[in-house]
Each structure stands twice: as C-alpha cells, then as structure tokens.
C-alpha cells in the first residue's frame, strides 16, 4: 500500500466532467481503498490505489500524523463566511423562531407569551461525523483508509440548521433561486420550501431566475416573483416551475446581473457542473466585496455527489425504474427466448442501475460504468445470455448509460455543460444480442426500453419529498447564518453544510469492492464479464 497524499487530481477514474468551472486547484483527500476483490477476474481492473501526486504528503511514521490530518481536514471543511470579507459585520437575533405563531384568539394578539428561550437553534460548534465505520483492515469490503493500517481518524463536518444569530435583515434581502442542468424529481419541492422558509424569516422580495444561468442575462427572460401563494402546490407536479437549461453567460456577467438587480442571496439547484458555477459566482462576489451568500442544493438523479448519502431525485428514479424493469421482465418472460434490455441513467456512476436491480429482483445482468465488461468472448455478456436462455428461457439486462463506452464509437461531441455526449450503449447491446443469436441460429426476441425522460419528469416520491423539504429549509438557514460557497447535504442520516469545492472534485462512483455491489451480484447471479 502506498502513502496517502493530498492531491489536486481525483483518485478514482470515472468519466470526468468537462465543465470549465471544474478546472480549478483545490486539494482533494485521497483515500486508500480495499484492494480485496469480489472475484479474481475483475481484481486488477477495479482496484483503486493511492499514488503520491503532490508534495504535501503525510508521514505515517510521525506520531502526530493524525493531528496533522485532522487539522488539515478542518481547514478544508471550514465554511466560507461573509465575515471573512466584512470583518465588522454584526449579527442580529434570528427572526426564525417557531414559538411565535399566528395567534388563535384575541387574548394572544401579540403572539404567545413565553419566558423560555427557544431551544431549536443549532450551535455553530455542532458537528456531524462524516465516516462512521471503523475498518479494522484495508482488506475489509469497501474499506476507505487513510493510512496502511486503516487507523480510525474522526472527520467532522458542520451541522446544518437555523442559527440563533443571523447576518441579514430580512427586509433588506432580495433572494433568487435558479435551477440548472437537466430535470430531476423534486426540483419544485426544493423551490417551494426555500420560498416558504424565506418568508418565515420575513423576506418579501423573492424571485426565480428562468431557465438556468442563462436567465440572468437573456433579454427575453424576466425573473419570476415568488411567494408562498405562487409555490403552494408546485410540488404536486414534476419538472421545474422555473425551467432548466445547460450552459449560460460568463461568471462575470452573472455577477453583474446580480449586482444590478440587488440580489444578495442566491440559491442554486444543480449537479457538479452547476455547483462549480455557484462556487465561481461566490468567488467573484468576494472579489468584488459584495455582501452576498451563494448556497447550493445538490440535484442529480445519478447520486454522484461526493460525501453525501444521497441526492434528491435518486430514490424516485430507482422507484420509477421498477416500472421499466417490470415491463421488460414481462415482455421477456412472455416471449419465446425473450430478452429485455433496460437502459437507466448514470453517466459515470451506476448507482441507479445497481439499486434498481437490487430493488426489482428481476435483473439477470447489471452493467455499470465502474466495472469493466465485454460483450464477446468466453466470459462475455452474450455468452452468459445464451446460458440464461438455455437454462431459464428468458433474461433481463439493466445497463447504465455510461457503461461499456469502450465498446462503441466515441462521438467526441459535448453538450452545453461541456459533458461528453455518450454513445447509446442500450441500442448497441440490443443490436449485438440480435446478431449473436442470429449467428447461432437460435431465435431471440429482444425488447429494448429507455425510460430516461419518463423518470426525470415525474414528481418526487415521499422519501425524496422529505429530503427536498429539509434541504430547502437548511439552504435558507445557511444563507441567513452568513455562510456562502457552501452546499447542503445528508451525511450519515444527518444534514450538514459542506464547502462546494470538497464535493465537486470528481463524480462519486460505485466502489466495485463495496458491500452494496456485492449484494447486487448476489442478487443477479452474474459472473464477471472480462
């Protein structure tokens, strides 16, 4: 095992995001992962090692290395605050207090009298433990170790929630909300609760920026006034009330627009690229000494944001994927030598495909970007499909959109966000299956289902609805507390604030040696396709 280092390069190798915002120099912790393997054939390909790529290397022979690591960790996860720029900024008592409710009779026209202090605030020193498993060996399944002995080192991040003191007077706040990237279940839920929580603080001036970042500068787009009345029922529908788009104007132009329109709170809903843009906006505002807070809410169906248990929209995507998988199963099971192929979202990470396969119990083969696979040869997918047809009479394949890109011709094209346009692995697999069985002289009835846009456009389920509610509320709490350049997420079932650079270094990916992937393999019974 090699020593850990603090690297300016990612240590896993999923498809990188090609967004200009991501080209930055930020330290990323490199974690030693287990080099044990679920099977011998994928061992060499799926192993993740820690290589020295920066001079700031930890010397594990020194007795104080843990203390040094923890201090550096605290520095990196320290939250940017407006007092970093405005040293004389004075806090005021929070206007958020759930004790003061609308009076129910005339006796309490001025609110409910109480001599008690409300104990619903979060102390600034409250922390959430980022990692909770104490691995005893680097060879433990899914182990993430800092040193070769897998020593336990506590890593704490800031707890999210309302603070007792705030740094903005509600009457002076003009808040803006923007949704970027693609659609995702739960966008309207987050918008709704940002608006509702802002109004509880006392904010009256709230606008929505239409169609992503481009809405800041496009002459034919105007901000949408938002209030509780406007957003009251938007969570009952999918999509985004504000619309979405990729790309947009430059950071300087966006900040110019914010300055011109007096926006001093910006809530950005989006994925890695969008968060990189939010961080760039935050830095530009600091450069101009603008008293502005920029807070992100992580939105990605793929669940590929670092350090978080999950992102909103993921649970709904997995649930909705069951419909497509069940349809493919029925089609395959009802046909002579039937084979169903379902393509699900997952550009660089296979979380949806993996969880959908586990949830359905109907998948025979699950293919994800993180695990290499081949179609042909004695250990290929096609050979295993032939075995399934011979033994079961039918089969269902679930493939993530980013899987098997080495098997198809690259397009070299990029979308407006700078992401590489992927080849259609689902269609390719469908065609190769037909060719293979035709060559064998064996009839095969292949059905292909791509539910991508059906899943993206649906409303959030109950689980995501709760997550969206809390994320939206905590985003507002963070902004009023004076934090900027942060995002809010759920870490080990608790909500935390994280500096944006720490969550956008590279996409989170499925660990091929994790227990969850092993569970998926146990469920499907598939071999290694290499």
Protein backbone atom coordinates (compact mmCIF):
# COMPACT_ATOMS: atom_id res chain seq x y z
CA UNK A 1 0.00 0.00 0.00
CA UNK A 2 1.24 3.46 -0.77
CA UNK A 3 1.06 6.52 1.44
CA UNK A 4 -1.82 8.95 1.29
CA UNK A 5 -1.28 12.39 -0.17
CA UNK A 6 -3.35 15.49 -0.63
CA UNK A 7 -3.83 15.59 -4.34
CA UNK A 8 -5.02 18.09 -6.88
CA UNK A 9 -6.17 15.21 -9.06
CA UNK A 10 -9.01 12.77 -8.46
CA UNK A 11 -8.09 9.31 -7.26
CA UNK A 12 -10.85 7.38 -8.94
CA UNK A 13 -11.22 7.30 -12.66
CA UNK A 14 -14.83 7.75 -13.69
CA UNK A 15 -15.58 9.92 -16.72
CA UNK A 16 -14.51 13.45 -15.73
CA UNK A 17 -16.88 16.36 -16.05
CA UNK A 18 -15.78 18.60 -18.90
CA UNK A 19 -17.03 21.81 -17.38
CA UNK A 20 -14.79 24.85 -17.40
CA UNK A 21 -15.92 25.63 -13.88
CA UNK A 22 -14.31 22.40 -12.70
CA UNK A 23 -10.83 23.35 -13.85
CA UNK A 24 -9.60 24.57 -10.50
CA UNK A 25 -6.86 23.85 -7.99
CA UNK A 26 -8.45 22.51 -4.85
CA UNK A 27 -7.00 19.90 -2.53
CA UNK A 28 -8.82 16.59 -2.62
CA UNK A 29 -8.35 13.92 0.04
CA UNK A 30 -7.03 10.70 -1.39
CA UNK A 31 -8.33 7.65 0.43
CA UNK A 32 -6.79 4.20 0.29
CA UNK A 33 -9.50 1.70 -0.63
CA UNK A 34 -9.51 -2.01 -0.07
CA UNK A 35 -7.56 -3.98 -2.64
CA UNK A 36 -9.53 -7.11 -1.91
CA UNK A 37 -11.76 -8.23 -4.76
CA UNK A 38 -15.11 -9.89 -5.07
CA UNK A 39 -13.64 -12.07 -7.79
CA UNK A 40 -10.23 -12.63 -9.25
CA UNK A 41 -11.00 -11.62 -12.83
CA UNK A 42 -12.01 -8.03 -12.04
CA UNK A 43 -9.44 -7.57 -9.30
CA UNK A 44 -6.74 -5.84 -11.32
CA UNK A 45 -9.14 -3.63 -13.21
CA UNK A 46 -11.30 -2.43 -10.33
CA UNK A 47 -8.59 -1.87 -7.76
CA UNK A 48 -8.17 1.74 -6.63
CA UNK A 49 -4.79 2.69 -5.22
CA UNK A 50 -3.45 5.86 -3.67
CA UNK A 51 -0.50 7.31 -5.52
CA UNK A 52 1.59 10.28 -4.50
CA UNK A 53 0.76 13.22 -6.75
CA UNK A 54 1.53 16.16 -4.51
CA UNK A 55 4.42 17.12 -2.27
CA UNK A 56 2.26 17.63 0.84
CA UNK A 57 2.49 14.01 1.87
CA UNK A 58 1.70 12.61 5.28
CA UNK A 59 4.50 10.78 7.04
CA UNK A 60 2.76 7.96 8.90
CA UNK A 61 5.93 7.26 10.89
CA UNK A 62 5.50 10.51 12.79
CA UNK A 63 3.36 10.22 15.94
CA UNK A 64 1.43 13.41 15.20
CA UNK A 65 0.24 12.48 11.70
CA UNK A 66 -3.37 12.06 12.87
CA UNK A 67 -3.39 15.51 14.40
CA UNK A 68 -1.92 16.97 11.21
CA UNK A 69 -4.53 15.20 9.11
CA UNK A 70 -7.40 16.40 11.30
CA UNK A 71 -6.18 19.99 11.28
CA UNK A 72 -5.88 19.97 7.52
CA UNK A 73 -9.32 18.38 7.26
CA UNK A 74 -10.81 21.09 9.48
CA UNK A 75 -9.17 23.78 7.34
CA UNK A 76 -10.55 22.33 4.12
CA UNK A 77 -14.05 21.88 5.53
CA UNK A 78 -14.16 25.26 7.21
CA UNK A 79 -17.18 27.10 5.81
CA UNK A 80 -16.65 30.41 3.99
CA UNK A 81 -18.48 33.22 5.82
CA UNK A 82 -19.25 36.83 4.98
CA UNK A 83 -17.20 37.90 8.00
CA UNK A 84 -14.13 36.63 6.15
CA UNK A 85 -14.53 39.72 3.93
CA UNK A 86 -16.62 42.03 6.10
CA UNK A 87 -14.80 41.85 9.41
CA UNK A 88 -17.11 44.35 11.06
CA UNK A 89 -20.36 42.56 10.10
CA UNK A 90 -22.54 42.35 13.19
CA UNK A 91 -25.10 39.58 13.69
CA UNK A 92 -28.66 40.22 14.83
CA UNK A 93 -31.04 37.90 16.68
CA UNK A 94 -32.66 35.41 14.35
CA UNK A 95 -36.12 36.18 13.03
CA UNK A 96 -36.72 32.44 12.67
CA UNK A 97 -38.50 31.16 15.78
CA UNK A 98 -41.29 28.62 15.67
CA UNK A 99 -42.58 29.68 19.11
CA UNK A 100 -44.09 32.82 17.60
CA UNK A 101 -47.05 31.51 15.65
CA UNK A 102 -50.20 33.11 14.32
CA UNK A 103 -52.46 33.78 17.35
CA UNK A 104 -55.51 31.58 17.64
CA UNK A 105 -57.60 34.03 19.69
CA UNK A 106 -57.66 37.70 20.69
CA UNK A 107 -56.05 37.06 24.08
CA UNK A 108 -52.72 36.49 22.36
CA UNK A 109 -52.86 39.14 19.66
CA UNK A 110 -49.16 39.87 20.11
CA UNK A 111 -48.06 36.23 19.96
CA UNK A 112 -47.77 33.56 22.61
CA UNK A 113 -46.12 34.91 25.77
CA UNK A 114 -43.22 32.79 26.98
CA UNK A 115 -40.32 33.34 29.34
CA UNK A 116 -38.49 30.35 27.89
CA UNK A 117 -35.75 30.65 25.32
CA UNK A 118 -36.41 28.65 22.17
CA UNK A 119 -34.04 25.70 22.01
CA UNK A 120 -34.47 24.97 18.32
CA UNK A 121 -31.24 26.58 17.13
CA UNK A 122 -28.05 24.88 16.01
CA UNK A 123 -24.83 25.83 17.78
CA UNK A 124 -22.05 26.85 15.41
CA UNK A 125 -19.80 24.27 17.05
CA UNK A 126 -22.17 21.36 16.35
CA UNK A 127 -20.62 18.77 14.05
CA UNK A 128 -21.65 15.68 12.10
CA UNK A 129 -19.35 12.65 11.84
CA UNK A 130 -18.56 12.08 8.18
CA UNK A 131 -17.41 8.46 8.39
CA UNK A 132 -18.94 6.02 10.87
CA UNK A 133 -17.37 2.64 10.03
CA UNK A 134 -14.12 1.76 11.80
CA UNK A 135 -12.46 -0.58 9.29
CA UNK A 136 -10.01 -2.93 11.00
CA UNK A 137 -8.20 -3.82 7.81
CA UNK A 138 -7.60 -2.35 4.35
CA UNK A 139 -8.84 -5.69 3.02
CA UNK A 140 -12.34 -5.24 4.50
CA UNK A 141 -15.02 -4.91 1.84
CA UNK A 142 -15.45 -1.26 0.89
CA UNK A 143 -12.69 -0.11 3.23
CA UNK A 144 -11.67 3.54 2.94
CA UNK A 145 -8.43 4.02 4.82
CA UNK A 146 -6.18 6.98 5.47
CA UNK A 147 -3.05 5.03 6.34
CA UNK A 148 -1.87 1.47 5.53
CA UNK A 149 -3.07 0.26 8.95
CA UNK A 150 -6.56 1.67 8.41
CA UNK A 151 -6.36 3.71 11.60
CA UNK A 152 -9.53 5.34 12.90
CA UNK A 153 -9.49 9.11 12.45
CA UNK A 154 -12.53 11.23 13.25
CA UNK A 155 -13.69 13.53 10.45
CA UNK A 156 -16.29 16.13 11.43
CA UNK A 157 -18.33 18.48 9.25
CA UNK A 158 -20.64 21.38 10.14
CA UNK A 159 -24.19 20.55 11.21
CA UNK A 160 -26.92 22.27 9.19
CA UNK A 161 -29.86 24.18 10.63
CA UNK A 162 -31.04 27.57 11.94
CA UNK A 163 -28.62 29.69 13.94
CA UNK A 164 -29.54 31.95 16.85
CA UNK A 165 -27.87 34.91 15.15
CA UNK A 166 -28.19 35.94 11.51
CA UNK A 167 -26.25 38.33 9.28
CA UNK A 168 -29.02 39.69 7.07
CA UNK A 169 -32.04 41.81 7.91
CA UNK A 170 -34.99 40.12 6.15
CA UNK A 171 -36.34 43.43 4.84
CA UNK A 172 -33.01 44.05 3.07
CA UNK A 173 -32.85 40.63 1.41
CA UNK A 174 -33.55 40.02 -2.26
CA UNK A 175 -33.31 36.27 -2.78
CA UNK A 176 -33.05 34.48 -6.12
CA UNK A 177 -33.48 30.79 -6.96
CA UNK A 178 -32.11 29.15 -10.10
CA UNK A 179 -32.40 25.56 -11.37
CA UNK A 180 -29.76 24.35 -13.82
CA UNK A 181 -28.87 21.23 -15.81
CA UNK A 182 -31.49 18.61 -16.58
CA UNK A 183 -34.81 17.86 -14.94
CA UNK A 184 -34.91 15.85 -11.73
CA UNK A 185 -37.77 14.75 -9.47
CA UNK A 186 -38.04 17.10 -6.50
CA UNK A 187 -36.99 20.41 -8.04
CA UNK A 188 -40.34 22.01 -7.31
CA UNK A 189 -40.28 20.65 -3.75
CA UNK A 190 -36.97 22.38 -3.05
CA UNK A 191 -38.10 25.64 -4.67
CA UNK A 192 -41.27 25.55 -2.59
CA UNK A 193 -39.52 25.15 0.73
CA UNK A 194 -36.85 27.72 0.01
CA UNK A 195 -39.62 30.25 -0.60
CA UNK A 196 -41.67 29.20 2.44
CA UNK A 197 -38.65 29.31 4.77
CA UNK A 198 -37.55 32.69 3.42
CA UNK A 199 -41.00 34.07 4.18
CA UNK A 200 -40.87 32.68 7.72
CA UNK A 201 -37.66 34.66 8.21
CA UNK A 202 -39.55 37.72 6.95
CA UNK A 203 -38.23 38.02 3.39
CA UNK A 204 -40.70 39.60 0.97
CA UNK A 205 -38.56 40.01 -2.14
CA UNK A 206 -38.01 36.59 -3.76
CA UNK A 207 -37.53 35.90 -7.46
CA UNK A 208 -36.95 32.85 -9.62
CA UNK A 209 -34.39 33.03 -12.41
CA UNK A 210 -35.89 31.39 -15.53
CA UNK A 211 -34.13 28.62 -17.43
CA UNK A 212 -30.91 28.25 -15.52
CA UNK A 213 -27.95 30.59 -15.56
CA UNK A 214 -28.97 31.98 -18.96
CA UNK A 215 -31.94 33.67 -17.24
CA UNK A 216 -29.58 36.17 -15.61
CA UNK A 217 -28.64 37.87 -18.85
CA UNK A 218 -31.15 36.95 -21.55
CA UNK A 219 -33.19 39.97 -22.64
CA UNK A 220 -36.26 37.89 -23.45
CA UNK A 221 -36.37 36.29 -19.99
CA UNK A 222 -37.54 38.09 -16.87
CA UNK A 223 -37.33 36.97 -13.24
CA UNK A 224 -40.48 35.40 -11.78
CA UNK A 225 -41.77 36.87 -8.49
CA UNK A 226 -42.21 34.07 -5.95
CA UNK A 227 -44.30 33.81 -2.82
CA UNK A 228 -45.95 31.13 -0.74
CA UNK A 229 -49.12 31.62 -2.77
CA UNK A 230 -47.24 31.02 -6.03
CA UNK A 231 -45.40 27.89 -4.89
CA UNK A 232 -48.06 26.36 -2.64
CA UNK A 233 -48.92 23.41 -4.91
CA UNK A 234 -45.99 23.19 -7.32
CA UNK A 235 -44.65 20.08 -5.58
CA UNK A 236 -47.63 18.16 -6.92
CA UNK A 237 -46.08 18.28 -10.41
CA UNK A 238 -42.77 17.17 -11.85
CA UNK A 239 -40.32 19.40 -13.71
CA UNK A 240 -39.26 22.85 -12.57
CA UNK A 241 -41.50 25.88 -12.16
CA UNK A 242 -38.53 28.00 -13.26
CA UNK A 243 -37.39 25.85 -16.18
CA UNK A 244 -33.91 24.44 -16.69
CA UNK A 245 -31.08 24.77 -19.20
CA UNK A 246 -27.40 23.98 -19.58
CA UNK A 247 -24.61 26.46 -20.12
CA UNK A 248 -25.17 30.20 -19.92
CA UNK A 249 -23.32 33.51 -19.66
CA UNK A 250 -19.95 34.06 -18.06
CA UNK A 251 -19.49 34.29 -14.30
CA UNK A 252 -18.71 37.99 -14.59
CA UNK A 253 -21.95 38.63 -16.49
CA UNK A 254 -23.98 36.69 -13.92
CA UNK A 255 -22.50 38.67 -11.03
CA UNK A 256 -23.03 41.92 -12.96
CA UNK A 257 -26.72 41.00 -13.24
CA UNK A 258 -26.93 40.14 -9.53
CA UNK A 259 -25.32 43.46 -8.62
CA UNK A 260 -27.60 45.39 -10.94
CA UNK A 261 -30.73 43.73 -9.58
CA UNK A 262 -29.71 43.89 -5.92
CA UNK A 263 -29.66 40.12 -5.38
CA UNK A 264 -27.84 39.28 -2.14
CA UNK A 265 -28.97 35.67 -1.62
CA UNK A 266 -28.64 33.12 -4.40
CA UNK A 267 -29.85 29.54 -4.16
CA UNK A 268 -28.51 27.26 -6.89
CA UNK A 269 -30.06 23.86 -7.58
CA UNK A 270 -27.91 21.59 -9.73
CA UNK A 271 -25.22 18.94 -10.04
CA UNK A 272 -21.42 19.03 -10.14
CA UNK A 273 -21.11 21.50 -13.02
CA UNK A 274 -23.80 23.78 -11.64
CA UNK A 275 -22.15 23.75 -8.22
CA UNK A 276 -18.82 24.61 -9.81
CA UNK A 277 -20.56 27.59 -11.37
CA UNK A 278 -22.05 28.54 -7.99
CA UNK A 279 -18.60 28.41 -6.42
CA UNK A 280 -17.21 30.63 -9.17
CA UNK A 281 -20.04 33.11 -8.57
CA UNK A 282 -19.28 33.03 -4.84
CA UNK A 283 -15.60 33.76 -5.50
CA UNK A 284 -16.40 36.60 -7.90
CA UNK A 285 -18.75 38.19 -5.34
CA UNK A 286 -15.98 38.00 -2.75
CA UNK A 287 -13.54 39.53 -5.20
CA UNK A 288 -15.91 42.46 -5.67
CA UNK A 289 -16.57 42.68 -1.91
CA UNK A 290 -20.29 42.12 -2.35
CA UNK A 291 -22.25 41.08 0.73
CA UNK A 292 -23.83 38.07 -1.00
CA UNK A 293 -24.38 34.47 0.03
CA UNK A 294 -24.42 31.70 -2.56
CA UNK A 295 -25.81 28.36 -1.37
CA UNK A 296 -26.13 25.20 -3.44
CA UNK A 297 -28.61 22.36 -3.21
CA UNK A 298 -27.21 19.19 -4.85
CA UNK A 299 -29.50 17.93 -7.61
CA UNK A 300 -28.54 14.84 -9.55
CA UNK A 301 -30.51 11.73 -10.31
CA UNK A 302 -27.23 9.86 -10.71
CA UNK A 303 -26.41 10.25 -6.99
CA UNK A 304 -22.82 11.09 -7.92
CA UNK A 305 -22.10 13.94 -5.47
CA UNK A 306 -19.23 13.23 -3.08
CA UNK A 307 -19.59 12.78 0.68
CA UNK A 308 -23.40 12.60 0.73
CA UNK A 309 -25.65 9.64 1.49
CA UNK A 310 -27.83 10.52 -1.49
CA UNK A 311 -29.08 13.43 -3.54
CA UNK A 312 -32.70 14.31 -4.14
CA UNK A 313 -34.36 12.60 -7.08
CA UNK A 314 -32.38 9.40 -6.68
CA UNK A 315 -34.95 7.46 -4.64
CA UNK A 316 -37.70 8.47 -7.06
CA UNK A 317 -35.57 7.42 -10.04
CA UNK A 318 -34.95 3.99 -8.54
CA UNK A 319 -38.64 3.59 -7.77
CA UNK A 320 -39.78 4.68 -11.24
CA UNK A 321 -37.17 2.43 -12.87
CA UNK A 322 -39.06 -0.52 -11.41
CA UNK A 323 -41.87 0.10 -13.91
CA UNK A 324 -39.50 -0.19 -16.86
CA UNK A 325 -37.75 -3.24 -15.41
CA UNK A 326 -41.04 -4.99 -14.67
CA UNK A 327 -42.24 -4.26 -18.21
CA UNK A 328 -39.03 -5.68 -19.64
CA UNK A 329 -39.38 -8.75 -17.43
CA UNK A 330 -42.97 -9.38 -18.52
CA UNK A 331 -42.05 -8.95 -22.18
CA UNK A 332 -39.08 -11.29 -21.86
CA UNK A 333 -40.87 -13.86 -19.72
CA UNK A 334 -43.87 -13.95 -22.07
CA UNK A 335 -41.85 -14.43 -25.24
CA UNK A 336 -40.02 -17.48 -26.58
CA UNK A 337 -36.35 -16.84 -25.81
CA UNK A 338 -37.26 -13.34 -24.65
CA UNK A 339 -34.57 -10.85 -23.65
CA UNK A 340 -35.39 -7.47 -22.11
CA UNK A 341 -32.84 -4.64 -22.12
CA UNK A 342 -33.39 -1.57 -19.94
CA UNK A 343 -31.10 1.47 -20.08
CA UNK A 344 -31.07 3.70 -16.99
CA UNK A 345 -29.36 6.98 -16.13
CA UNK A 346 -25.79 7.01 -14.88
CA UNK A 347 -23.13 8.79 -16.94
CA UNK A 348 -20.15 7.99 -14.75
CA UNK A 349 -21.75 6.17 -11.83
CA UNK A 350 -24.01 3.15 -11.69
CA UNK A 351 -25.97 3.83 -8.51
CA UNK A 352 -29.40 3.86 -10.18
CA UNK A 353 -28.78 0.65 -12.13
CA UNK A 354 -27.34 -1.09 -9.07
CA UNK A 355 -30.14 -0.06 -6.71
CA UNK A 356 -32.86 -0.67 -9.29
CA UNK A 357 -31.51 -4.18 -9.89
CA UNK A 358 -31.48 -4.86 -6.15
CA UNK A 359 -34.98 -3.49 -5.67
CA UNK A 360 -36.60 -5.36 -8.55
CA UNK A 361 -35.15 -8.84 -8.10
CA UNK A 362 -35.85 -9.35 -11.82
CA UNK A 363 -32.43 -8.46 -13.26
CA UNK A 364 -30.07 -11.16 -14.54
CA UNK A 365 -27.29 -8.84 -15.71
CA UNK A 366 -26.44 -5.39 -14.36
CA UNK A 367 -23.79 -3.34 -16.18
CA UNK A 368 -22.34 -0.16 -14.67
CA UNK A 369 -19.53 2.22 -15.75
CA UNK A 370 -17.28 1.37 -12.80
CA UNK A 371 -16.95 -2.33 -13.64
CA UNK A 372 -15.33 -3.28 -16.98
CA UNK A 373 -17.27 -5.68 -19.17
CA UNK A 374 -17.04 -7.25 -22.59
CA UNK A 375 -19.81 -8.50 -24.83
CA UNK A 376 -17.93 -11.20 -26.69
CA UNK A 377 -15.61 -14.00 -25.67
CA UNK A 378 -15.92 -16.92 -23.24
CA UNK A 379 -16.63 -14.59 -20.31
CA UNK A 380 -18.70 -12.05 -22.25
CA UNK A 381 -22.25 -10.85 -21.69
CA UNK A 382 -23.53 -12.60 -24.81
CA UNK A 383 -22.18 -15.97 -23.73
CA UNK A 384 -23.93 -15.61 -20.37
CA UNK A 385 -27.17 -14.59 -22.09
CA UNK A 386 -27.02 -17.80 -24.11
CA UNK A 387 -26.63 -19.72 -20.83
CA UNK A 388 -29.63 -17.91 -19.35
CA UNK A 389 -31.78 -18.64 -22.39
CA UNK A 390 -30.78 -22.32 -22.24
CA UNK A 391 -31.50 -22.62 -18.51
CA UNK A 392 -34.25 -20.10 -17.80
CA UNK A 393 -35.76 -19.40 -21.19
CA UNK A 394 -35.56 -15.61 -20.74
CA UNK A 395 -33.33 -12.85 -19.36
CA UNK A 396 -33.39 -9.17 -18.35
CA UNK A 397 -30.40 -6.84 -18.71
CA UNK A 398 -30.09 -3.49 -16.89
CA UNK A 399 -27.37 -1.16 -18.17
CA UNK A 400 -26.32 2.31 -17.01
CA UNK A 401 -25.95 4.81 -19.85
CA UNK A 402 -22.24 5.31 -19.16
CA UNK A 403 -21.38 1.60 -19.13
CA UNK A 404 -19.47 -0.03 -21.97
CA UNK A 405 -18.47 3.19 -23.69
CA UNK A 406 -15.25 1.45 -24.75
CA UNK A 407 -17.38 -0.93 -26.82
CA UNK A 408 -18.91 1.75 -29.06
CA UNK A 409 -17.60 4.50 -31.28
CA UNK A 410 -16.90 7.77 -29.47
CA UNK A 411 -18.75 10.86 -30.69
CA UNK A 412 -16.22 13.46 -29.42
CA UNK A 413 -19.17 15.84 -29.09
CA UNK A 414 -20.06 17.75 -25.93
CA UNK A 415 -23.29 19.24 -24.62
CA UNK A 416 -23.84 22.82 -23.42
CA UNK A 417 -22.44 21.93 -19.99
CA UNK A 418 -19.25 20.55 -21.52
CA UNK A 419 -20.12 16.91 -20.79
CA UNK A 420 -19.14 14.32 -23.40
CA UNK A 421 -22.12 13.09 -25.40
CA UNK A 422 -22.24 9.36 -24.77
CA UNK A 423 -22.87 6.69 -27.34
CA UNK A 424 -26.11 4.73 -26.90
CA UNK A 425 -24.95 1.58 -25.16
CA UNK A 426 -28.52 0.30 -24.88
CA UNK A 427 -29.12 0.26 -28.63
CA UNK A 428 -25.67 -1.21 -29.18
CA UNK A 429 -26.33 -4.10 -26.79
CA UNK A 430 -29.73 -4.72 -28.36
CA UNK A 431 -28.17 -4.95 -31.83
CA UNK A 432 -25.28 -7.14 -30.69
CA UNK A 433 -27.66 -9.57 -28.95
CA UNK A 434 -29.69 -9.95 -32.13
CA UNK A 435 -26.55 -10.52 -34.23
CA UNK A 436 -25.15 -13.04 -31.77
CA UNK A 437 -28.23 -15.23 -31.56
CA UNK A 438 -28.84 -14.98 -35.29
CA UNK A 439 -25.30 -16.22 -35.85
CA UNK A 440 -26.02 -19.17 -33.56
CA UNK A 441 -29.21 -19.93 -35.41
CA UNK A 442 -31.14 -19.51 -32.15
CA UNK A 443 -34.28 -17.36 -32.20
CA UNK A 444 -34.30 -14.49 -29.69
CA UNK A 445 -36.99 -11.88 -29.08
CA UNK A 446 -35.22 -8.72 -27.85
CA UNK A 447 -37.15 -5.79 -26.37
CA UNK A 448 -35.38 -2.51 -25.55
CA UNK A 449 -36.76 0.08 -23.09
CA UNK A 450 -35.28 3.53 -22.37
CA UNK A 451 -37.35 5.26 -19.64
CA UNK A 452 -34.90 8.13 -19.07
CA UNK A 453 -37.16 11.11 -19.76
CA UNK A 454 -40.19 9.48 -18.14
CA UNK A 455 -38.20 9.12 -14.91
CA UNK A 456 -36.72 12.63 -14.97
CA UNK A 457 -40.08 14.31 -15.43
CA UNK A 458 -42.10 12.62 -12.66
CA UNK A 459 -42.85 14.18 -9.28
CA UNK A 460 -40.84 13.25 -6.19
CA UNK A 461 -41.92 10.28 -4.11
CA UNK A 462 -42.43 10.51 -0.33
CA UNK A 463 -38.79 9.81 0.55
CA UNK A 464 -37.46 12.44 -1.85
CA UNK A 465 -40.20 14.83 -0.80
CA UNK A 466 -38.93 14.78 2.77
CA UNK A 467 -35.32 15.14 1.64
CA UNK A 468 -36.19 18.10 -0.60
CA UNK A 469 -38.11 19.78 2.20
CA UNK A 470 -35.20 19.62 4.64
CA UNK A 471 -32.60 20.58 2.02
CA UNK A 472 -34.61 23.65 1.01
CA UNK A 473 -35.08 24.75 4.62
CA UNK A 474 -31.43 24.24 5.52
CA UNK A 475 -30.25 26.12 2.45
CA UNK A 476 -32.08 29.21 3.74
CA UNK A 477 -30.78 28.70 7.29
CA UNK A 478 -27.23 28.55 5.93
CA UNK A 479 -27.65 31.74 3.90
CA UNK A 480 -29.04 33.72 6.84
CA UNK A 481 -26.23 32.40 9.04
CA UNK A 482 -23.83 34.16 6.66
CA UNK A 483 -22.29 31.10 5.00
CA UNK A 484 -21.51 31.27 1.28
CA UNK A 485 -19.90 28.96 -1.24
CA UNK A 486 -21.49 26.00 0.52
CA UNK A 487 -23.91 23.23 -0.28
CA UNK A 488 -26.24 21.28 1.98
CA UNK A 489 -26.45 17.51 2.06
CA UNK A 490 -27.25 14.48 4.16
CA UNK A 491 -24.28 12.70 5.73
CA UNK A 492 -24.93 9.53 7.73
CA UNK A 493 -28.62 10.47 8.06
CA UNK A 494 -27.78 13.94 9.44
CA UNK A 495 -27.84 17.20 7.50
CA UNK A 496 -24.58 19.09 7.07
CA UNK A 497 -23.05 22.09 5.33
CA UNK A 498 -20.06 21.38 3.10
CA UNK A 499 -17.73 23.71 1.15
CA UNK A 500 -18.59 23.38 -2.54
CA UNK A 501 -15.00 22.59 -3.69
CA UNK A 502 -14.97 19.48 -1.50
CA UNK A 503 -17.99 17.90 -3.19
CA UNK A 504 -17.23 18.66 -6.86
CA UNK A 505 -13.65 17.40 -7.19
CA UNK A 506 -14.86 14.41 -9.21
CA UNK A 507 -18.07 12.39 -9.51
CA UNK A 508 -18.84 9.89 -6.77
CA UNK A 509 -18.73 6.34 -8.11
CA UNK A 510 -19.74 2.83 -7.10
CA UNK A 511 -16.87 1.00 -5.41
CA UNK A 512 -16.64 -2.41 -7.13
CA UNK A 513 -15.49 -3.86 -3.81
CA UNK A 514 -18.31 -2.34 -1.77
CA UNK A 515 -20.85 -4.47 0.03
CA UNK A 516 -23.67 -2.90 -1.99
CA UNK A 517 -22.17 -4.01 -5.31
CA UNK A 518 -21.53 -7.45 -3.85
CA UNK A 519 -25.19 -7.59 -2.85
CA UNK A 520 -26.17 -6.71 -6.39
CA UNK A 521 -24.00 -9.50 -7.78
CA UNK A 522 -25.53 -11.91 -5.28
CA UNK A 523 -29.00 -10.86 -6.45
CA UNK A 524 -28.33 -11.15 -10.19
CA UNK A 525 -26.02 -14.16 -10.02
CA UNK A 526 -23.96 -12.75 -12.86
CA UNK A 527 -20.29 -13.65 -13.42
CA UNK A 528 -17.52 -11.21 -14.35
CA UNK A 529 -17.68 -10.09 -17.97
CA UNK A 530 -13.97 -9.69 -18.69
